[in-house]
Amino acid sequence: MTRGSGDLDRRVTLERYGVTRDEWNNPIEGWLPIATVWASKHDISDTERLHGAEVGSTLTTRFVIRWSKTVTDFNTKDRLVCEGLEYGVVGVKELGRRQYLEITAAARSDLFNPTPEP
């Protein structure tokens, strides 16, 4: 499997839920960055669902990143952030022998709230 560096054209942040400490050593729970890497992004499907009186929209996307020791244990308990949208990880598989990771992830696109630019 050959991929050029031009295929990895999106900057994504891989995050894991965990606990860190503030300056007074109090625990703070939240999403902590594992790595910020280059990725390719391919939207697979989008769905709209009516649940109760609420309409929800889900976007399923496949990302490919370079394999590294930093991301080798990235899994379905983690999340990925791309262009302000938070994706829950559905699946992760290795492509080639330690060449790439393919991450399938889903995001609620109706909850997208980009940071306003000044």
PDB file of N, CA and C in Angstrom:
ATOM      1  N   MET A   1       0.839  -1.171   0.000  1.00  0.00           N
ATOM      2  CA  MET A   1       0.000   0.000   0.000  1.00  0.00           C
ATOM      3  C   MET A   1       0.884   1.235   0.000  1.00  0.00           C
ATOM      4  N   THR A   2       0.733   2.052  -1.003  1.00  0.00           N
ATOM      5  CA  THR A   2       1.551   3.243  -1.109  1.00  0.00           C
ATOM      6  C   THR A   2       0.678   4.477  -0.947  1.00  0.00           C
ATOM      7  N   ARG A   3       1.131   5.378  -0.132  1.00  0.00           N
ATOM      8  CA  ARG A   3       0.434   6.649   0.057  1.00  0.00           C
ATOM      9  C   ARG A   3       1.482   7.746  -0.031  1.00  0.00           C
ATOM     10  N   GLY A   4       1.135   8.804  -0.725  1.00  0.00           N
ATOM     11  CA  GLY A   4       2.034   9.944  -0.775  1.00  0.00           C
ATOM     12  C   GLY A   4       1.746  10.884   0.376  1.00  0.00           C
ATOM     13  N   SER A   5       2.711  11.699   0.714  1.00  0.00           N
ATOM     14  CA  SER A   5       2.512  12.633   1.820  1.00  0.00           C
ATOM     15  C   SER A   5       1.422  13.649   1.494  1.00  0.00           C
ATOM     16  N   GLY A   6       1.141  13.857   0.210  1.00  0.00           N
ATOM     17  CA  GLY A   6       0.079  14.775  -0.190  1.00  0.00           C
ATOM     18  C   GLY A   6      -1.308  14.272   0.147  1.00  0.00           C
ATOM     19  N   ASP A   7      -1.458  12.947   0.343  1.00  0.00           N
ATOM     20  CA  ASP A   7      -2.756  12.383   0.716  1.00  0.00           C
ATOM     21  C   ASP A   7      -3.116  12.732   2.155  1.00  0.00           C
ATOM     22  N   LEU A   8      -2.120  12.929   2.987  1.00  0.00           N
ATOM     23  CA  LEU A   8      -2.338  13.255   4.395  1.00  0.00           C
ATOM     24  C   LEU A   8      -2.377  14.781   4.518  1.00  0.00           C
ATOM     25  N   ASP A   9      -3.546  15.347   4.220  1.00  0.00           N
ATOM     26  CA  ASP A   9      -3.648  16.797   4.079  1.00  0.00           C
ATOM     27  C   ASP A   9      -4.508  17.482   5.138  1.00  0.00           C
ATOM     28  N   ARG A  10      -4.879  16.756   6.183  1.00  0.00           N
ATOM     29  CA  ARG A  10      -5.684  17.339   7.263  1.00  0.00           C
ATOM     30  C   ARG A  10      -4.940  17.211   8.578  1.00  0.00           C
ATOM     31  N   ARG A  11      -5.042  18.224   9.410  1.00  0.00           N
ATOM     32  CA  ARG A  11      -4.425  18.179  10.727  1.00  0.00           C
ATOM     33  C   ARG A  11      -5.497  17.716  11.713  1.00  0.00           C
ATOM     34  N   VAL A  12      -5.241  16.628  12.429  1.00  0.00           N
ATOM     35  CA  VAL A  12      -6.196  16.096  13.397  1.00  0.00           C
ATOM     36  C   VAL A  12      -5.508  15.928  14.749  1.00  0.00           C
ATOM     37  N   THR A  13      -6.300  16.010  15.804  1.00  0.00           N
ATOM     38  CA  THR A  13      -5.791  15.784  17.154  1.00  0.00           C
ATOM     39  C   THR A  13      -6.449  14.538  17.716  1.00  0.00           C
ATOM     40  N   LEU A  14      -5.635  13.613  18.188  1.00  0.00           N
ATOM     41  CA  LEU A  14      -6.122  12.394  18.828  1.00  0.00           C
ATOM     42  C   LEU A  14      -6.159  12.663  20.325  1.00  0.00           C
ATOM     43  N   GLU A  15      -7.291  12.331  20.962  1.00  0.00           N
ATOM     44  CA  GLU A  15      -7.459  12.641  22.381  1.00  0.00           C
ATOM     45  C   GLU A  15      -7.911  11.419  23.166  1.00  0.00           C
ATOM     46  N   ARG A  16      -7.551  11.407  24.446  1.00  0.00           N
ATOM     47  CA  ARG A  16      -7.936  10.325  25.363  1.00  0.00           C
ATOM     48  C   ARG A  16      -8.487  10.965  26.635  1.00  0.00           C
ATOM     49  N   TYR A  17      -9.578  10.400  27.149  1.00  0.00           N
ATOM     50  CA  TYR A  17     -10.163  10.920  28.383  1.00  0.00           C
ATOM     51  C   TYR A  17      -9.295  10.499  29.556  1.00  0.00           C
ATOM     52  N   GLY A  18      -8.979  11.438  30.406  1.00  0.00           N
ATOM     53  CA  GLY A  18      -8.111  11.116  31.537  1.00  0.00           C
ATOM     54  C   GLY A  18      -8.147  12.188  32.600  1.00  0.00           C
ATOM     55  N   VAL A  19      -7.260  12.052  33.541  1.00  0.00           N
ATOM     56  CA  VAL A  19      -7.177  12.979  34.666  1.00  0.00           C
ATOM     57  C   VAL A  19      -5.805  13.639  34.659  1.00  0.00           C
ATOM     58  N   THR A  20      -5.798  14.935  34.822  1.00  0.00           N
ATOM     59  CA  THR A  20      -4.562  15.692  34.974  1.00  0.00           C
ATOM     60  C   THR A  20      -4.671  16.477  36.285  1.00  0.00           C
ATOM     61  N   ARG A  21      -3.659  17.201  36.631  1.00  0.00           N
ATOM     62  CA  ARG A  21      -3.660  17.951  37.899  1.00  0.00           C
ATOM     63  C   ARG A  21      -3.456  19.436  37.627  1.00  0.00           C
ATOM     64  N   ASP A  22      -4.134  20.270  38.420  1.00  0.00           N
ATOM     65  CA  ASP A  22      -3.915  21.708  38.307  1.00  0.00           C
ATOM     66  C   ASP A  22      -2.739  22.125  39.197  1.00  0.00           C
ATOM     67  N   GLU A  23      -2.499  23.438  39.293  1.00  0.00           N
ATOM     68  CA  GLU A  23      -1.336  23.921  40.052  1.00  0.00           C
ATOM     69  C   GLU A  23      -1.429  23.649  41.550  1.00  0.00           C
ATOM     70  N   TRP A  24      -2.633  23.342  42.071  1.00  0.00           N
ATOM     71  CA  TRP A  24      -2.806  22.988  43.486  1.00  0.00           C
ATOM     72  C   TRP A  24      -2.949  21.482  43.676  1.00  0.00           C
ATOM     73  N   ASN A  25      -2.618  20.731  42.630  1.00  0.00           N
ATOM     74  CA  ASN A  25      -2.652  19.266  42.631  1.00  0.00           C
ATOM     75  C   ASN A  25      -4.069  18.690  42.741  1.00  0.00           C
ATOM     76  N   ASN A  26      -5.068  19.491  42.367  1.00  0.00           N
ATOM     77  CA  ASN A  26      -6.440  18.990  42.319  1.00  0.00           C
ATOM     78  C   ASN A  26      -6.654  18.243  41.011  1.00  0.00           C
ATOM     79  N   PRO A  27      -7.365  17.113  41.038  1.00  0.00           N
ATOM     80  CA  PRO A  27      -7.602  16.367  39.805  1.00  0.00           C
ATOM     81  C   PRO A  27      -8.586  17.097  38.885  1.00  0.00           C
ATOM     82  N   ILE A  28      -8.280  17.081  37.600  1.00  0.00           N
ATOM     83  CA  ILE A  28      -9.151  17.663  36.582  1.00  0.00           C
ATOM     84  C   ILE A  28      -9.381  16.593  35.522  1.00  0.00           C
ATOM     85  N   GLU A  29     -10.643  16.194  35.340  1.00  0.00           N
ATOM     86  CA  GLU A  29     -10.975  15.201  34.321  1.00  0.00           C
ATOM     87  C   GLU A  29     -11.282  15.905  33.010  1.00  0.00           C
ATOM     88  N   GLY A  30     -10.915  15.275  31.906  1.00  0.00           N
ATOM     89  CA  GLY A  30     -11.220  15.843  30.605  1.00  0.00           C
ATOM     90  C   GLY A  30     -10.469  15.132  29.495  1.00  0.00           C
ATOM     91  N   TRP A  31     -10.664  15.622  28.278  1.00  0.00           N
ATOM     92  CA  TRP A  31      -9.997  15.063  27.108  1.00  0.00           C
ATOM     93  C   TRP A  31      -8.597  15.646  26.997  1.00  0.00           C
ATOM     94  N   LEU A  32      -7.613  14.749  26.950  1.00  0.00           N
ATOM     95  CA  LEU A  32      -6.210  15.151  26.884  1.00  0.00           C
ATOM     96  C   LEU A  32      -5.633  14.770  25.526  1.00  0.00           C
ATOM     97  N   PRO A  33      -4.860  15.652  24.897  1.00  0.00           N
ATOM     98  CA  PRO A  33      -4.278  15.317  23.595  1.00  0.00           C
ATOM     99  C   PRO A  33      -3.222  14.220  23.707  1.00  0.00           C
ATOM    100  N   ILE A  34      -3.304  13.258  22.781  1.00  0.00           N
ATOM    101  CA  ILE A  34      -2.283  12.209  22.661  1.00  0.00           C
ATOM    102  C   ILE A  34      -1.253  12.661  21.631  1.00  0.00           C
ATOM    103  N   ALA A  35      -1.772  13.128  20.481  1.00  0.00           N
ATOM    104  CA  ALA A  35      -0.896  13.554  19.388  1.00  0.00           C
ATOM    105  C   ALA A  35      -1.694  14.397  18.403  1.00  0.00           C
ATOM    106  N   THR A  36      -1.004  15.287  17.707  1.00  0.00           N
ATOM    107  CA  THR A  36      -1.577  16.011  16.575  1.00  0.00           C
ATOM    108  C   THR A  36      -0.795  15.554  15.355  1.00  0.00           C
ATOM    109  N   VAL A  37      -1.528  15.001  14.373  1.00  0.00           N
ATOM    110  CA  VAL A  37      -0.880  14.347  13.232  1.00  0.00           C
ATOM    111  C   VAL A  37      -1.567  14.750  11.927  1.00  0.00           C
ATOM    112  N   TRP A  38      -0.904  14.430  10.818  1.00  0.00           N
ATOM    113  CA  TRP A  38      -1.494  14.615   9.494  1.00  0.00           C
ATOM    114  C   TRP A  38      -2.316  13.386   9.153  1.00  0.00           C
ATOM    115  N   ALA A  39      -3.453  13.602   8.471  1.00  0.00           N
ATOM    116  CA  ALA A  39      -4.350  12.499   8.131  1.00  0.00           C
ATOM    117  C   ALA A  39      -5.014  12.749   6.785  1.00  0.00           C
ATOM    118  N   SER A  40      -5.466  11.663   6.166  1.00  0.00           N
ATOM    119  CA  SER A  40      -6.382  11.801   5.035  1.00  0.00           C
ATOM    120  C   SER A  40      -7.782  11.618   5.595  1.00  0.00           C
ATOM    121  N   LYS A  41      -8.762  12.233   4.962  1.00  0.00           N
ATOM    122  CA  LYS A  41     -10.141  12.207   5.466  1.00  0.00           C
ATOM    123  C   LYS A  41     -11.085  11.870   4.325  1.00  0.00           C
ATOM    124  N   HIS A  42     -11.926  10.847   4.550  1.00  0.00           N
ATOM    125  CA  HIS A  42     -12.915  10.442   3.547  1.00  0.00           C
ATOM    126  C   HIS A  42     -14.242  10.213   4.251  1.00  0.00           C
ATOM    127  N   ASP A  43     -15.243  11.045   3.928  1.00  0.00           N
ATOM    128  CA  ASP A  43     -16.565  10.854   4.507  1.00  0.00           C
ATOM    129  C   ASP A  43     -17.192   9.610   3.889  1.00  0.00           C
ATOM    130  N   ILE A  44     -17.724   8.738   4.750  1.00  0.00           N
ATOM    131  CA  ILE A  44     -18.306   7.479   4.294  1.00  0.00           C
ATOM    132  C   ILE A  44     -19.811   7.608   4.143  1.00  0.00           C
ATOM    133  N   SER A  45     -20.470   8.119   5.185  1.00  0.00           N
ATOM    134  CA  SER A  45     -21.929   8.249   5.126  1.00  0.00           C
ATOM    135  C   SER A  45     -22.399   9.315   6.093  1.00  0.00           C
ATOM    136  N   ASP A  46     -23.610   9.779   5.829  1.00  0.00           N
ATOM    137  CA  ASP A  46     -24.256  10.675   6.772  1.00  0.00           C
ATOM    138  C   ASP A  46     -25.698  10.216   6.935  1.00  0.00           C
ATOM    139  N   THR A  47     -26.211  10.358   8.131  1.00  0.00           N
ATOM    140  CA  THR A  47     -27.577   9.922   8.410  1.00  0.00           C
ATOM    141  C   THR A  47     -28.283  10.972   9.247  1.00  0.00           C
ATOM    142  N   GLU A  48     -29.589  11.022   9.060  1.00  0.00           N
ATOM    143  CA  GLU A  48     -30.420  11.861   9.916  1.00  0.00           C
ATOM    144  C   GLU A  48     -31.393  10.954  10.618  1.00  0.00           C
ATOM    145  N   ARG A  49     -31.563  11.171  11.908  1.00  0.00           N
ATOM    146  CA  ARG A  49     -32.483  10.347  12.682  1.00  0.00           C
ATOM    147  C   ARG A  49     -33.400  11.242  13.482  1.00  0.00           C
ATOM    148  N   LEU A  50     -34.615  10.769  13.632  1.00  0.00           N
ATOM    149  CA  LEU A  50     -35.577  11.456  14.470  1.00  0.00           C
ATOM    150  C   LEU A  50     -35.714  10.651  15.743  1.00  0.00           C
ATOM    151  N   HIS A  51     -35.330  11.245  16.858  1.00  0.00           N
ATOM    152  CA  HIS A  51     -35.393  10.570  18.153  1.00  0.00           C
ATOM    153  C   HIS A  51     -36.220  11.450  19.080  1.00  0.00           C
ATOM    154  N   GLY A  52     -37.404  10.984  19.415  1.00  0.00           N
ATOM    155  CA  GLY A  52     -38.304  11.827  20.188  1.00  0.00           C
ATOM    156  C   GLY A  52     -38.705  13.009  19.336  1.00  0.00           C
ATOM    157  N   ALA A  53     -38.570  14.185  19.858  1.00  0.00           N
ATOM    158  CA  ALA A  53     -38.890  15.390  19.091  1.00  0.00           C
ATOM    159  C   ALA A  53     -37.624  16.059  18.574  1.00  0.00           C
ATOM    160  N   GLU A  54     -36.521  15.323  18.577  1.00  0.00           N
ATOM    161  CA  GLU A  54     -35.230  15.893  18.223  1.00  0.00           C
ATOM    162  C   GLU A  54     -34.677  15.225  16.969  1.00  0.00           C
ATOM    163  N   VAL A  55     -34.177  16.014  16.046  1.00  0.00           N
ATOM    164  CA  VAL A  55     -33.545  15.478  14.843  1.00  0.00           C
ATOM    165  C   VAL A  55     -32.040  15.505  15.055  1.00  0.00           C
ATOM    166  N   GLY A  56     -31.375  14.376  14.778  1.00  0.00           N
ATOM    167  CA  GLY A  56     -29.931  14.297  14.931  1.00  0.00           C
ATOM    168  C   GLY A  56     -29.285  13.906  13.619  1.00  0.00           C
ATOM    169  N   SER A  57     -28.105  14.400  13.376  1.00  0.00           N
ATOM    170  CA  SER A  57     -27.378  14.114  12.147  1.00  0.00           C
ATOM    171  C   SER A  57     -26.013  13.536  12.505  1.00  0.00           C
ATOM    172  N   THR A  58     -25.688  12.374  11.920  1.00  0.00           N
ATOM    173  CA  THR A  58     -24.412  11.715  12.197  1.00  0.00           C
ATOM    174  C   THR A  58     -23.599  11.612  10.919  1.00  0.00           C
ATOM    175  N   LEU A  59     -22.327  11.927  11.012  1.00  0.00           N
ATOM    176  CA  LEU A  59     -21.402  11.835   9.887  1.00  0.00           C
ATOM    177  C   LEU A  59     -20.353  10.780  10.220  1.00  0.00           C
ATOM    178  N   THR A  60     -20.255   9.741   9.377  1.00  0.00           N
ATOM    179  CA  THR A  60     -19.240   8.703   9.565  1.00  0.00           C
ATOM    180  C   THR A  60     -18.098   8.971   8.593  1.00  0.00           C
ATOM    181  N   THR A  61     -16.888   8.976   9.117  1.00  0.00           N
ATOM    182  CA  THR A  61     -15.710   9.364   8.340  1.00  0.00           C
ATOM    183  C   THR A  61     -14.579   8.381   8.586  1.00  0.00           C
ATOM    184  N   ARG A  62     -13.779   8.147   7.552  1.00  0.00           N
ATOM    185  CA  ARG A  62     -12.599   7.297   7.679  1.00  0.00           C
ATOM    186  C   ARG A  62     -11.354   8.176   7.551  1.00  0.00           C
ATOM    187  N   PHE A  63     -10.500   8.094   8.561  1.00  0.00           N
ATOM    188  CA  PHE A  63      -9.231   8.822   8.580  1.00  0.00           C
ATOM    189  C   PHE A  63      -8.092   7.817   8.461  1.00  0.00           C
ATOM    190  N   VAL A  64      -7.023   8.202   7.788  1.00  0.00           N
ATOM    191  CA  VAL A  64      -5.810   7.385   7.730  1.00  0.00           C
ATOM    192  C   VAL A  64      -4.655   8.259   8.210  1.00  0.00           C
ATOM    193  N   ILE A  65      -3.906   7.725   9.189  1.00  0.00           N
ATOM    194  CA  ILE A  65      -2.741   8.429   9.724  1.00  0.00           C
ATOM    195  C   ILE A  65      -1.536   7.500   9.651  1.00  0.00           C
ATOM    196  N   ARG A  66      -0.345   8.069   9.759  1.00  0.00           N
ATOM    197  CA  ARG A  66       0.862   7.239   9.814  1.00  0.00           C
ATOM    198  C   ARG A  66       0.935   6.527  11.157  1.00  0.00           C
ATOM    199  N   TRP A  67       1.354   5.277  11.137  1.00  0.00           N
ATOM    200  CA  TRP A  67       1.543   4.516  12.369  1.00  0.00           C
ATOM    201  C   TRP A  67       2.744   5.089  13.108  1.00  0.00           C
ATOM    202  N   SER A  68       2.657   5.157  14.425  1.00  0.00           N
ATOM    203  CA  SER A  68       3.803   5.523  15.262  1.00  0.00           C
ATOM    204  C   SER A  68       3.588   4.922  16.644  1.00  0.00           C
ATOM    205  N   LYS A  69       4.641   4.841  17.431  1.00  0.00           N
ATOM    206  CA  LYS A  69       4.524   4.295  18.785  1.00  0.00           C
ATOM    207  C   LYS A  69       3.581   5.135  19.643  1.00  0.00           C
ATOM    208  N   THR A  70       3.497   6.414  19.356  1.00  0.00           N
ATOM    209  CA  THR A  70       2.625   7.307  20.121  1.00  0.00           C
ATOM    210  C   THR A  70       1.153   6.938  19.964  1.00  0.00           C
ATOM    211  N   VAL A  71       0.759   6.474  18.783  1.00  0.00           N
ATOM    212  CA  VAL A  71      -0.659   6.217  18.507  1.00  0.00           C
ATOM    213  C   VAL A  71      -0.996   4.733  18.410  1.00  0.00           C
ATOM    214  N   THR A  72      -0.052   3.863  18.727  1.00  0.00           N
ATOM    215  CA  THR A  72      -0.278   2.431  18.544  1.00  0.00           C
ATOM    216  C   THR A  72      -1.430   1.882  19.385  1.00  0.00           C
ATOM    217  N   ASP A  73      -1.726   2.505  20.539  1.00  0.00           N
ATOM    218  CA  ASP A  73      -2.815   2.010  21.384  1.00  0.00           C
ATOM    219  C   ASP A  73      -4.090   2.853  21.268  1.00  0.00           C
ATOM    220  N   PHE A  74      -4.183   3.680  20.234  1.00  0.00           N
ATOM    221  CA  PHE A  74      -5.392   4.471  19.988  1.00  0.00           C
ATOM    222  C   PHE A  74      -6.551   3.507  19.765  1.00  0.00           C
ATOM    223  N   ASN A  75      -7.705   3.737  20.432  1.00  0.00           N
ATOM    224  CA  ASN A  75      -8.799   2.757  20.377  1.00  0.00           C
ATOM    225  C   ASN A  75     -10.168   3.424  20.464  1.00  0.00           C
ATOM    226  N   THR A  76     -11.209   2.604  20.586  1.00  0.00           N
ATOM    227  CA  THR A  76     -12.586   3.094  20.549  1.00  0.00           C
ATOM    228  C   THR A  76     -13.001   3.883  21.791  1.00  0.00           C
ATOM    229  N   LYS A  77     -12.167   3.944  22.802  1.00  0.00           N
ATOM    230  CA  LYS A  77     -12.463   4.783  23.971  1.00  0.00           C
ATOM    231  C   LYS A  77     -11.955   6.208  23.770  1.00  0.00           C
ATOM    232  N   ASP A  78     -11.195   6.418  22.701  1.00  0.00           N
ATOM    233  CA  ASP A  78     -10.595   7.713  22.416  1.00  0.00           C
ATOM    234  C   ASP A  78     -11.465   8.498  21.445  1.00  0.00           C
ATOM    235  N   ARG A  79     -11.027   9.708  21.119  1.00  0.00           N
ATOM    236  CA  ARG A  79     -11.741  10.500  20.119  1.00  0.00           C
ATOM    237  C   ARG A  79     -10.743  11.238  19.243  1.00  0.00           C
ATOM    238  N   LEU A  80     -11.256  11.764  18.136  1.00  0.00           N
ATOM    239  CA  LEU A  80     -10.449  12.477  17.156  1.00  0.00           C
ATOM    240  C   LEU A  80     -11.129  13.815  16.890  1.00  0.00           C
ATOM    241  N   VAL A  81     -10.351  14.880  16.794  1.00  0.00           N
ATOM    242  CA  VAL A  81     -10.898  16.203  16.501  1.00  0.00           C
ATOM    243  C   VAL A  81     -10.308  16.676  15.180  1.00  0.00           C
ATOM    244  N   CYS A  82     -11.196  17.017  14.245  1.00  0.00           N
ATOM    245  CA  CYS A  82     -10.774  17.501  12.929  1.00  0.00           C
ATOM    246  C   CYS A  82     -11.640  18.698  12.551  1.00  0.00           C
ATOM    247  N   GLU A  83     -11.012  19.815  12.285  1.00  0.00           N
ATOM    248  CA  GLU A  83     -11.694  21.030  11.840  1.00  0.00           C
ATOM    249  C   GLU A  83     -12.841  21.419  12.774  1.00  0.00           C
ATOM    250  N   GLY A  84     -12.614  21.282  14.083  1.00  0.00           N
ATOM    251  CA  GLY A  84     -13.594  21.692  15.074  1.00  0.00           C
ATOM    252  C   GLY A  84     -14.684  20.684  15.381  1.00  0.00           C
ATOM    253  N   LEU A  85     -14.705  19.562  14.686  1.00  0.00           N
ATOM    254  CA  LEU A  85     -15.720  18.533  14.893  1.00  0.00           C
ATOM    255  C   LEU A  85     -15.118  17.382  15.683  1.00  0.00           C
ATOM    256  N   GLU A  86     -15.809  16.952  16.738  1.00  0.00           N
ATOM    257  CA  GLU A  86     -15.324  15.870  17.601  1.00  0.00           C
ATOM    258  C   GLU A  86     -15.928  14.549  17.141  1.00  0.00           C
ATOM    259  N   TYR A  87     -15.065  13.589  16.828  1.00  0.00           N
ATOM    260  CA  TYR A  87     -15.481  12.285  16.326  1.00  0.00           C
ATOM    261  C   TYR A  87     -15.245  11.216  17.382  1.00  0.00           C
ATOM    262  N   GLY A  88     -16.265  10.415  17.666  1.00  0.00           N
ATOM    263  CA  GLY A  88     -16.098   9.236  18.502  1.00  0.00           C
ATOM    264  C   GLY A  88     -15.549   8.110  17.646  1.00  0.00           C
ATOM    265  N   VAL A  89     -14.583   7.378  18.145  1.00  0.00           N
ATOM    266  CA  VAL A  89     -13.922   6.330  17.363  1.00  0.00           C
ATOM    267  C   VAL A  89     -14.783   5.071  17.353  1.00  0.00           C
ATOM    268  N   VAL A  90     -15.080   4.580  16.152  1.00  0.00           N
ATOM    269  CA  VAL A  90     -15.875   3.369  15.964  1.00  0.00           C
ATOM    270  C   VAL A  90     -14.965   2.155  15.799  1.00  0.00           C
ATOM    271  N   GLY A  91     -13.837   2.336  15.112  1.00  0.00           N
ATOM    272  CA  GLY A  91     -12.904   1.238  14.900  1.00  0.00           C
ATOM    273  C   GLY A  91     -11.545   1.734  14.453  1.00  0.00           C
ATOM    274  N   VAL A  92     -10.517   0.937  14.756  1.00  0.00           N
ATOM    275  CA  VAL A  92      -9.138   1.260  14.368  1.00  0.00           C
ATOM    276  C   VAL A  92      -8.496  -0.010  13.846  1.00  0.00           C
ATOM    277  N   LYS A  93      -7.866   0.069  12.678  1.00  0.00           N
ATOM    278  CA  LYS A  93      -7.129  -1.096  12.187  1.00  0.00           C
ATOM    279  C   LYS A  93      -5.822  -0.658  11.545  1.00  0.00           C
ATOM    280  N   GLU A  94      -4.864  -1.562  11.605  1.00  0.00           N
ATOM    281  CA  GLU A  94      -3.537  -1.305  11.048  1.00  0.00           C
ATOM    282  C   GLU A  94      -3.554  -1.618   9.562  1.00  0.00           C
ATOM    283  N   LEU A  95      -2.978  -0.732   8.760  1.00  0.00           N
ATOM    284  CA  LEU A  95      -2.828  -0.952   7.323  1.00  0.00           C
ATOM    285  C   LEU A  95      -1.353  -1.179   7.039  1.00  0.00           C
ATOM    286  N   GLY A  96      -1.053  -2.295   6.402  1.00  0.00           N
ATOM    287  CA  GLY A  96       0.351  -2.623   6.189  1.00  0.00           C
ATOM    288  C   GLY A  96       0.984  -3.015   7.506  1.00  0.00           C
ATOM    289  N   ARG A  97       2.232  -3.305   7.476  1.00  0.00           N
ATOM    290  CA  ARG A  97       2.931  -3.668   8.712  1.00  0.00           C
ATOM    291  C   ARG A  97       3.512  -2.408   9.339  1.00  0.00           C
ATOM    292  N   ARG A  98       2.776  -1.870  10.305  1.00  0.00           N
ATOM    293  CA  ARG A  98       3.172  -0.642  10.995  1.00  0.00           C
ATOM    294  C   ARG A  98       3.430   0.520  10.041  1.00  0.00           C
ATOM    295  N   GLN A  99       2.552   0.649   9.050  1.00  0.00           N
ATOM    296  CA  GLN A  99       2.676   1.771   8.127  1.00  0.00           C
ATOM    297  C   GLN A  99       1.642   2.853   8.420  1.00  0.00           C
ATOM    298  N   TYR A 100       0.369   2.437   8.507  1.00  0.00           N
ATOM    299  CA  TYR A 100      -0.720   3.381   8.708  1.00  0.00           C
ATOM    300  C   TYR A 100      -1.743   2.811   9.675  1.00  0.00           C
ATOM    301  N   LEU A 101      -2.558   3.694  10.251  1.00  0.00           N
ATOM    302  CA  LEU A 101      -3.740   3.299  11.005  1.00  0.00           C
ATOM    303  C   LEU A 101      -4.944   3.881  10.290  1.00  0.00           C
ATOM    304  N   GLU A 102      -5.967   3.047  10.105  1.00  0.00           N
ATOM    305  CA  GLU A 102      -7.229   3.507   9.543  1.00  0.00           C
ATOM    306  C   GLU A 102      -8.217   3.648  10.696  1.00  0.00           C
ATOM    307  N   ILE A 103      -8.744   4.836  10.866  1.00  0.00           N
ATOM    308  CA  ILE A 103      -9.653   5.137  11.973  1.00  0.00           C
ATOM    309  C   ILE A 103     -11.024   5.453  11.397  1.00  0.00           C
ATOM    310  N   THR A 104     -12.012   4.656  11.776  1.00  0.00           N
ATOM    311  CA  THR A 104     -13.390   4.942  11.403  1.00  0.00           C
ATOM    312  C   THR A 104     -14.029   5.632  12.596  1.00  0.00           C
ATOM    313  N   ALA A 105     -14.651   6.783  12.344  1.00  0.00           N
ATOM    314  CA  ALA A 105     -15.176   7.591  13.442  1.00  0.00           C
ATOM    315  C   ALA A 105     -16.503   8.228  13.044  1.00  0.00           C
ATOM    316  N   ALA A 106     -17.307   8.555  14.045  1.00  0.00           N
ATOM    317  CA  ALA A 106     -18.615   9.169  13.806  1.00  0.00           C
ATOM    318  C   ALA A 106     -18.745  10.444  14.623  1.00  0.00           C
ATOM    319  N   ALA A 107     -19.383  11.446  14.019  1.00  0.00           N
ATOM    320  CA  ALA A 107     -19.580  12.733  14.688  1.00  0.00           C
ATOM    321  C   ALA A 107     -21.022  13.176  14.535  1.00  0.00           C
ATOM    322  N   ARG A 108     -21.511  13.853  15.541  1.00  0.00           N
ATOM    323  CA  ARG A 108     -22.837  14.470  15.463  1.00  0.00           C
ATOM    324  C   ARG A 108     -22.654  15.821  14.783  1.00  0.00           C
ATOM    325  N   SER A 109     -22.912  15.892  13.491  1.00  0.00           N
ATOM    326  CA  SER A 109     -22.667  17.134  12.756  1.00  0.00           C
ATOM    327  C   SER A 109     -23.668  18.226  13.106  1.00  0.00           C
ATOM    328  N   ASP A 110     -24.807  17.867  13.702  1.00  0.00           N
ATOM    329  CA  ASP A 110     -25.760  18.894  14.117  1.00  0.00           C
ATOM    330  C   ASP A 110     -25.295  19.619  15.380  1.00  0.00           C
ATOM    331  N   LEU A 111     -24.278  19.076  16.060  1.00  0.00           N
ATOM    332  CA  LEU A 111     -23.738  19.719  17.258  1.00  0.00           C
ATOM    333  C   LEU A 111     -22.499  20.548  16.959  1.00  0.00           C
ATOM    334  N   PHE A 112     -22.103  20.605  15.687  1.00  0.00           N
ATOM    335  CA  PHE A 112     -20.894  21.323  15.289  1.00  0.00           C
ATOM    336  C   PHE A 112     -21.034  22.795  15.637  1.00  0.00           C
ATOM    337  N   ASN A 113     -20.044  23.297  16.342  1.00  0.00           N
ATOM    338  CA  ASN A 113     -20.045  24.691  16.751  1.00  0.00           C
ATOM    339  C   ASN A 113     -18.631  25.238  16.595  1.00  0.00           C
ATOM    340  N   PRO A 114     -18.280  25.695  15.392  1.00  0.00           N
ATOM    341  CA  PRO A 114     -16.910  26.161  15.184  1.00  0.00           C
ATOM    342  C   PRO A 114     -16.598  27.387  16.034  1.00  0.00           C
ATOM    343  N   THR A 115     -15.356  27.511  16.384  1.00  0.00           N
ATOM    344  CA  THR A 115     -14.909  28.665  17.155  1.00  0.00           C
ATOM    345  C   THR A 115     -14.941  29.890  16.251  1.00  0.00           C
ATOM    346  N   PRO A 116     -15.642  30.933  16.662  1.00  0.00           N
ATOM    347  CA  PRO A 116     -15.690  32.128  15.812  1.00  0.00           C
ATOM    348  C   PRO A 116     -14.318  32.775  15.706  1.00  0.00           C
ATOM    349  N   GLU A 117     -14.030  33.246  14.523  1.00  0.00           N
ATOM    350  CA  GLU A 117     -12.747  33.915  14.303  1.00  0.00           C
ATOM    351  C   GLU A 117     -12.878  35.387  14.677  1.00  0.00           C
ATOM    352  N   PRO A 118     -11.815  35.962  15.242  1.00  0.00           N
ATOM    353  CA  PRO A 118     -11.877  37.384  15.662  1.00  0.00           C
ATOM    354  C   PRO A 118     -11.970  38.321  14.489  1.00  0.00           C
TER     355      PRO A 118
END
